[in-house]
Amino acid sequence: MRYSLAILILFLAAGLEAGGDALMRMGLRSPTPARMALFFLLGGLVLASYGLTVNAPPWDFGRLLGVYVAFFFVVAQLISWLAFRQKPSPLVLLGGALIVAGGCIVSAAG
């Protein structure tokens, strides 16, 4: 598998995982049981899609895990900020910079 395709798939997977988590969180905060059930169902479907996305390709996911963790951090922080109005603190951004740097190092080593 080409590296650029693997990167796109990993970015999609990060969006699915963080998005599924956000849907679950929305379900937990829902005002009615029907909305809660709907968000839980949607979140479960999105998280199942994430599982298929990362496990279907013929790759060594362990080798790409550092890159994935960096993508997940960035996407999860964006969703948290945009959907839940939770702006990351300076310390979270500093830690995130270290996570992204680690992802770049792992990517260069692979």
N, C-alpha and C. Protein backbone atom coordinates (compact mmCIF):
# COMPACT_ATOMS: atom_id res chain seq x y z
N MET A 1 0.84 -1.17 0.00
CA MET A 1 0.00 0.00 0.00
C MET A 1 0.89 1.24 0.00
N ARG A 2 0.53 2.19 -0.84
CA ARG A 2 1.30 3.43 -0.90
C ARG A 2 1.18 4.19 0.41
N TYR A 3 2.26 4.86 0.81
CA TYR A 3 2.29 5.59 2.07
C TYR A 3 1.24 6.69 2.10
N SER A 4 1.07 7.41 0.96
CA SER A 4 0.10 8.51 0.93
C SER A 4 -1.33 7.99 1.14
N LEU A 5 -1.64 6.83 0.59
CA LEU A 5 -2.96 6.24 0.80
C LEU A 5 -3.13 5.82 2.26
N ALA A 6 -2.09 5.26 2.84
CA ALA A 6 -2.15 4.87 4.26
C ALA A 6 -2.40 6.10 5.14
N ILE A 7 -1.76 7.21 4.82
CA ILE A 7 -1.94 8.44 5.59
C ILE A 7 -3.39 8.92 5.48
N LEU A 8 -3.95 8.89 4.29
CA LEU A 8 -5.35 9.30 4.11
C LEU A 8 -6.31 8.39 4.89
N ILE A 9 -6.05 7.10 4.87
CA ILE A 9 -6.90 6.17 5.60
C ILE A 9 -6.79 6.41 7.10
N LEU A 10 -5.57 6.66 7.59
CA LEU A 10 -5.39 6.93 9.00
C LEU A 10 -6.10 8.22 9.42
N PHE A 11 -6.06 9.23 8.57
CA PHE A 11 -6.75 10.49 8.88
C PHE A 11 -8.26 10.26 8.93
N LEU A 12 -8.78 9.49 7.97
CA LEU A 12 -10.21 9.14 7.98
C LEU A 12 -10.55 8.37 9.25
N ALA A 13 -9.71 7.42 9.64
CA ALA A 13 -9.96 6.62 10.84
C ALA A 13 -9.98 7.51 12.08
N ALA A 14 -9.07 8.47 12.15
CA ALA A 14 -9.05 9.39 13.29
C ALA A 14 -10.35 10.18 13.36
N GLY A 15 -10.83 10.63 12.20
CA GLY A 15 -12.10 11.35 12.17
C GLY A 15 -13.26 10.48 12.61
N LEU A 16 -13.25 9.23 12.20
CA LEU A 16 -14.33 8.32 12.60
C LEU A 16 -14.27 8.03 14.11
N GLU A 17 -13.08 7.79 14.63
CA GLU A 17 -12.99 7.48 16.06
C GLU A 17 -13.37 8.68 16.91
N ALA A 18 -12.81 9.83 16.60
CA ALA A 18 -13.13 11.04 17.38
C ALA A 18 -14.59 11.45 17.18
N GLY A 19 -15.10 11.28 15.96
CA GLY A 19 -16.50 11.60 15.69
C GLY A 19 -17.45 10.67 16.41
N GLY A 20 -17.13 9.39 16.43
CA GLY A 20 -17.96 8.43 17.16
C GLY A 20 -17.97 8.72 18.65
N ASP A 21 -16.82 9.07 19.18
CA ASP A 21 -16.73 9.45 20.59
C ASP A 21 -17.59 10.69 20.86
N ALA A 22 -17.54 11.67 19.96
CA ALA A 22 -18.34 12.88 20.14
C ALA A 22 -19.83 12.56 20.11
N LEU A 23 -20.24 11.66 19.24
CA LEU A 23 -21.66 11.27 19.20
C LEU A 23 -22.08 10.59 20.50
N MET A 24 -21.22 9.76 21.05
CA MET A 24 -21.52 9.13 22.34
C MET A 24 -21.65 10.19 23.44
N ARG A 25 -20.75 11.16 23.43
CA ARG A 25 -20.81 12.23 24.43
C ARG A 25 -22.10 13.03 24.28
N MET A 26 -22.50 13.28 23.03
CA MET A 26 -23.76 13.99 22.80
C MET A 26 -24.94 13.17 23.32
N GLY A 27 -24.86 11.85 23.16
CA GLY A 27 -25.91 10.98 23.68
C GLY A 27 -26.01 11.07 25.19
N LEU A 28 -24.88 11.10 25.86
CA LEU A 28 -24.88 11.19 27.31
C LEU A 28 -25.49 12.50 27.81
N ARG A 29 -25.41 13.53 27.00
CA ARG A 29 -25.94 14.85 27.38
C ARG A 29 -27.31 15.14 26.77
N SER A 30 -27.91 14.15 26.15
CA SER A 30 -29.20 14.35 25.49
C SER A 30 -30.32 14.54 26.50
N PRO A 31 -31.28 15.42 26.15
CA PRO A 31 -32.38 15.71 27.08
C PRO A 31 -33.46 14.63 27.13
N THR A 32 -33.53 13.77 26.12
CA THR A 32 -34.58 12.75 26.10
C THR A 32 -33.98 11.38 25.83
N PRO A 33 -34.62 10.34 26.32
CA PRO A 33 -34.13 8.98 26.05
C PRO A 33 -34.08 8.64 24.56
N ALA A 34 -35.02 9.16 23.78
CA ALA A 34 -35.02 8.86 22.34
C ALA A 34 -33.79 9.46 21.66
N ARG A 35 -33.47 10.70 22.00
CA ARG A 35 -32.26 11.33 21.41
C ARG A 35 -31.01 10.62 21.89
N MET A 36 -31.00 10.23 23.15
CA MET A 36 -29.85 9.50 23.69
C MET A 36 -29.63 8.22 22.90
N ALA A 37 -30.70 7.48 22.69
CA ALA A 37 -30.60 6.22 21.95
C ALA A 37 -30.13 6.47 20.52
N LEU A 38 -30.63 7.52 19.89
CA LEU A 38 -30.22 7.83 18.52
C LEU A 38 -28.73 8.15 18.45
N PHE A 39 -28.25 8.99 19.36
CA PHE A 39 -26.82 9.33 19.35
C PHE A 39 -25.97 8.10 19.66
N PHE A 40 -26.42 7.25 20.59
CA PHE A 40 -25.67 6.03 20.89
C PHE A 40 -25.61 5.11 19.67
N LEU A 41 -26.73 4.97 18.97
CA LEU A 41 -26.76 4.13 17.78
C LEU A 41 -25.82 4.69 16.70
N LEU A 42 -25.92 5.99 16.44
CA LEU A 42 -25.04 6.61 15.44
C LEU A 42 -23.58 6.50 15.86
N GLY A 43 -23.30 6.78 17.14
CA GLY A 43 -21.93 6.68 17.63
C GLY A 43 -21.38 5.27 17.47
N GLY A 44 -22.21 4.27 17.79
CA GLY A 44 -21.77 2.88 17.63
C GLY A 44 -21.47 2.53 16.19
N LEU A 45 -22.30 3.01 15.28
CA LEU A 45 -22.07 2.75 13.85
C LEU A 45 -20.78 3.42 13.37
N VAL A 46 -20.56 4.65 13.81
CA VAL A 46 -19.35 5.37 13.40
C VAL A 46 -18.11 4.69 13.99
N LEU A 47 -18.20 4.27 15.26
CA LEU A 47 -17.05 3.58 15.86
C LEU A 47 -16.79 2.22 15.22
N ALA A 48 -17.84 1.53 14.81
CA ALA A 48 -17.66 0.27 14.08
C ALA A 48 -16.99 0.54 12.73
N SER A 49 -17.36 1.64 12.08
CA SER A 49 -16.73 2.03 10.81
C SER A 49 -15.25 2.31 11.02
N TYR A 50 -14.93 2.93 12.14
CA TYR A 50 -13.52 3.17 12.48
C TYR A 50 -12.78 1.83 12.58
N GLY A 51 -13.37 0.88 13.29
CA GLY A 51 -12.72 -0.42 13.45
C GLY A 51 -12.47 -1.11 12.13
N LEU A 52 -13.43 -1.03 11.24
CA LEU A 52 -13.24 -1.61 9.90
C LEU A 52 -12.16 -0.88 9.12
N THR A 53 -12.15 0.45 9.24
CA THR A 53 -11.19 1.26 8.49
C THR A 53 -9.75 0.94 8.87
N VAL A 54 -9.48 0.78 10.16
CA VAL A 54 -8.09 0.53 10.56
C VAL A 54 -7.68 -0.93 10.45
N ASN A 55 -8.65 -1.84 10.43
CA ASN A 55 -8.29 -3.26 10.42
C ASN A 55 -8.41 -3.92 9.06
N ALA A 56 -9.08 -3.31 8.10
CA ALA A 56 -9.26 -3.92 6.78
C ALA A 56 -8.00 -3.86 5.90
N PRO A 57 -7.25 -2.73 5.89
CA PRO A 57 -6.09 -2.67 5.00
C PRO A 57 -4.99 -3.67 5.41
N PRO A 58 -4.23 -4.12 4.42
CA PRO A 58 -3.13 -5.06 4.70
C PRO A 58 -1.86 -4.31 5.13
N TRP A 59 -1.85 -3.78 6.34
CA TRP A 59 -0.71 -3.01 6.80
C TRP A 59 -0.31 -3.44 8.20
N ASP A 60 0.83 -2.98 8.61
CA ASP A 60 1.30 -3.20 9.99
C ASP A 60 0.85 -1.98 10.78
N PHE A 61 -0.35 -2.06 11.36
CA PHE A 61 -0.92 -0.91 12.05
C PHE A 61 -0.03 -0.47 13.21
N GLY A 62 0.64 -1.41 13.86
CA GLY A 62 1.54 -1.05 14.95
C GLY A 62 2.64 -0.10 14.50
N ARG A 63 3.10 -0.28 13.29
CA ARG A 63 4.15 0.59 12.75
C ARG A 63 3.63 1.99 12.47
N LEU A 64 2.35 2.09 12.14
CA LEU A 64 1.75 3.37 11.81
C LEU A 64 1.04 4.02 12.99
N LEU A 65 1.08 3.37 14.14
CA LEU A 65 0.33 3.82 15.30
C LEU A 65 0.73 5.22 15.76
N GLY A 66 2.00 5.56 15.71
CA GLY A 66 2.44 6.90 16.12
C GLY A 66 1.82 7.99 15.27
N VAL A 67 1.76 7.77 13.98
CA VAL A 67 1.14 8.73 13.07
C VAL A 67 -0.35 8.83 13.39
N TYR A 68 -0.98 7.68 13.62
CA TYR A 68 -2.41 7.67 13.92
C TYR A 68 -2.71 8.44 15.21
N VAL A 69 -1.91 8.23 16.23
CA VAL A 69 -2.14 8.92 17.51
C VAL A 69 -2.05 10.43 17.32
N ALA A 70 -1.10 10.89 16.52
CA ALA A 70 -0.99 12.33 16.24
C ALA A 70 -2.24 12.83 15.52
N PHE A 71 -2.70 12.11 14.51
CA PHE A 71 -3.93 12.50 13.81
C PHE A 71 -5.11 12.52 14.76
N PHE A 72 -5.22 11.48 15.59
CA PHE A 72 -6.35 11.40 16.52
C PHE A 72 -6.34 12.59 17.47
N PHE A 73 -5.19 12.95 18.00
CA PHE A 73 -5.12 14.08 18.91
C PHE A 73 -5.63 15.35 18.24
N VAL A 74 -5.13 15.64 17.06
CA VAL A 74 -5.52 16.87 16.36
C VAL A 74 -7.01 16.87 16.05
N VAL A 75 -7.53 15.79 15.50
CA VAL A 75 -8.95 15.72 15.14
C VAL A 75 -9.83 15.79 16.38
N ALA A 76 -9.45 15.08 17.44
CA ALA A 76 -10.26 15.10 18.67
C ALA A 76 -10.30 16.49 19.29
N GLN A 77 -9.18 17.19 19.27
CA GLN A 77 -9.16 18.55 19.82
C GLN A 77 -10.02 19.50 18.98
N LEU A 78 -9.95 19.35 17.67
CA LEU A 78 -10.80 20.19 16.80
C LEU A 78 -12.28 19.93 17.04
N ILE A 79 -12.66 18.67 17.13
CA ILE A 79 -14.07 18.35 17.38
C ILE A 79 -14.49 18.87 18.75
N SER A 80 -13.65 18.69 19.75
CA SER A 80 -13.98 19.16 21.09
C SER A 80 -14.17 20.68 21.11
N TRP A 81 -13.33 21.37 20.38
CA TRP A 81 -13.40 22.83 20.33
C TRP A 81 -14.63 23.29 19.54
N LEU A 82 -14.85 22.70 18.36
CA LEU A 82 -15.94 23.15 17.51
C LEU A 82 -17.32 22.67 17.96
N ALA A 83 -17.42 21.42 18.39
CA ALA A 83 -18.72 20.86 18.74
C ALA A 83 -19.12 21.13 20.19
N PHE A 84 -18.13 21.20 21.08
CA PHE A 84 -18.44 21.33 22.51
C PHE A 84 -17.90 22.62 23.13
N ARG A 85 -17.31 23.46 22.29
CA ARG A 85 -16.76 24.74 22.74
C ARG A 85 -15.75 24.60 23.88
N GLN A 86 -14.96 23.54 23.81
CA GLN A 86 -13.92 23.29 24.81
C GLN A 86 -12.56 23.59 24.18
N LYS A 87 -12.13 24.82 24.35
CA LYS A 87 -10.86 25.25 23.78
C LYS A 87 -9.70 24.61 24.55
N PRO A 88 -8.73 24.03 23.84
CA PRO A 88 -7.61 23.39 24.54
C PRO A 88 -6.76 24.41 25.28
N SER A 89 -6.30 24.03 26.45
CA SER A 89 -5.45 24.90 27.25
C SER A 89 -4.04 24.94 26.65
N PRO A 90 -3.24 25.91 27.07
CA PRO A 90 -1.85 25.95 26.58
C PRO A 90 -1.08 24.66 26.89
N LEU A 91 -1.33 24.05 28.06
CA LEU A 91 -0.62 22.81 28.38
C LEU A 91 -1.08 21.66 27.49
N VAL A 92 -2.36 21.61 27.16
CA VAL A 92 -2.84 20.58 26.23
C VAL A 92 -2.20 20.78 24.86
N LEU A 93 -2.10 22.03 24.43
CA LEU A 93 -1.47 22.31 23.14
C LEU A 93 0.02 21.93 23.17
N LEU A 94 0.69 22.19 24.29
CA LEU A 94 2.10 21.80 24.41
C LEU A 94 2.24 20.28 24.34
N GLY A 95 1.42 19.57 25.10
CA GLY A 95 1.44 18.11 25.04
C GLY A 95 1.11 17.60 23.66
N GLY A 96 0.15 18.24 23.01
CA GLY A 96 -0.21 17.86 21.64
C GLY A 96 0.92 18.08 20.66
N ALA A 97 1.68 19.16 20.87
CA ALA A 97 2.84 19.40 20.00
C ALA A 97 3.86 18.26 20.15
N LEU A 98 4.01 17.77 21.37
CA LEU A 98 4.92 16.64 21.58
C LEU A 98 4.38 15.37 20.92
N ILE A 99 3.06 15.17 21.02
CA ILE A 99 2.45 14.00 20.36
C ILE A 99 2.67 14.07 18.85
N VAL A 100 2.42 15.23 18.26
CA VAL A 100 2.60 15.40 16.81
C VAL A 100 4.07 15.22 16.43
N ALA A 101 4.97 15.77 17.23
CA ALA A 101 6.41 15.59 16.96
C ALA A 101 6.76 14.10 17.01
N GLY A 102 6.24 13.40 17.99
CA GLY A 102 6.48 11.95 18.06
C GLY A 102 5.94 11.22 16.84
N GLY A 103 4.76 11.62 16.39
CA GLY A 103 4.20 11.01 15.18
C GLY A 103 5.08 11.24 13.96
N CYS A 104 5.64 12.44 13.87
CA CYS A 104 6.55 12.74 12.76
C CYS A 104 7.83 11.90 12.84
N ILE A 105 8.34 11.72 14.05
CA ILE A 105 9.55 10.91 14.23
C ILE A 105 9.29 9.47 13.84
N VAL A 106 8.17 8.92 14.32
CA VAL A 106 7.81 7.53 14.00
C VAL A 106 7.60 7.39 12.49
N SER A 107 6.98 8.39 11.89
CA SER A 107 6.73 8.34 10.45
C SER A 107 8.03 8.35 9.66
N ALA A 108 8.98 9.16 10.09
CA ALA A 108 10.27 9.22 9.40
C ALA A 108 11.08 7.94 9.59
N ALA A 109 10.90 7.30 10.73
CA ALA A 109 11.65 6.07 11.01
C ALA A 109 11.11 4.88 10.23
N GLY A 110 9.80 4.96 9.85
CA GLY A 110 9.17 3.82 9.19
C GLY A 110 9.51 3.78 7.74
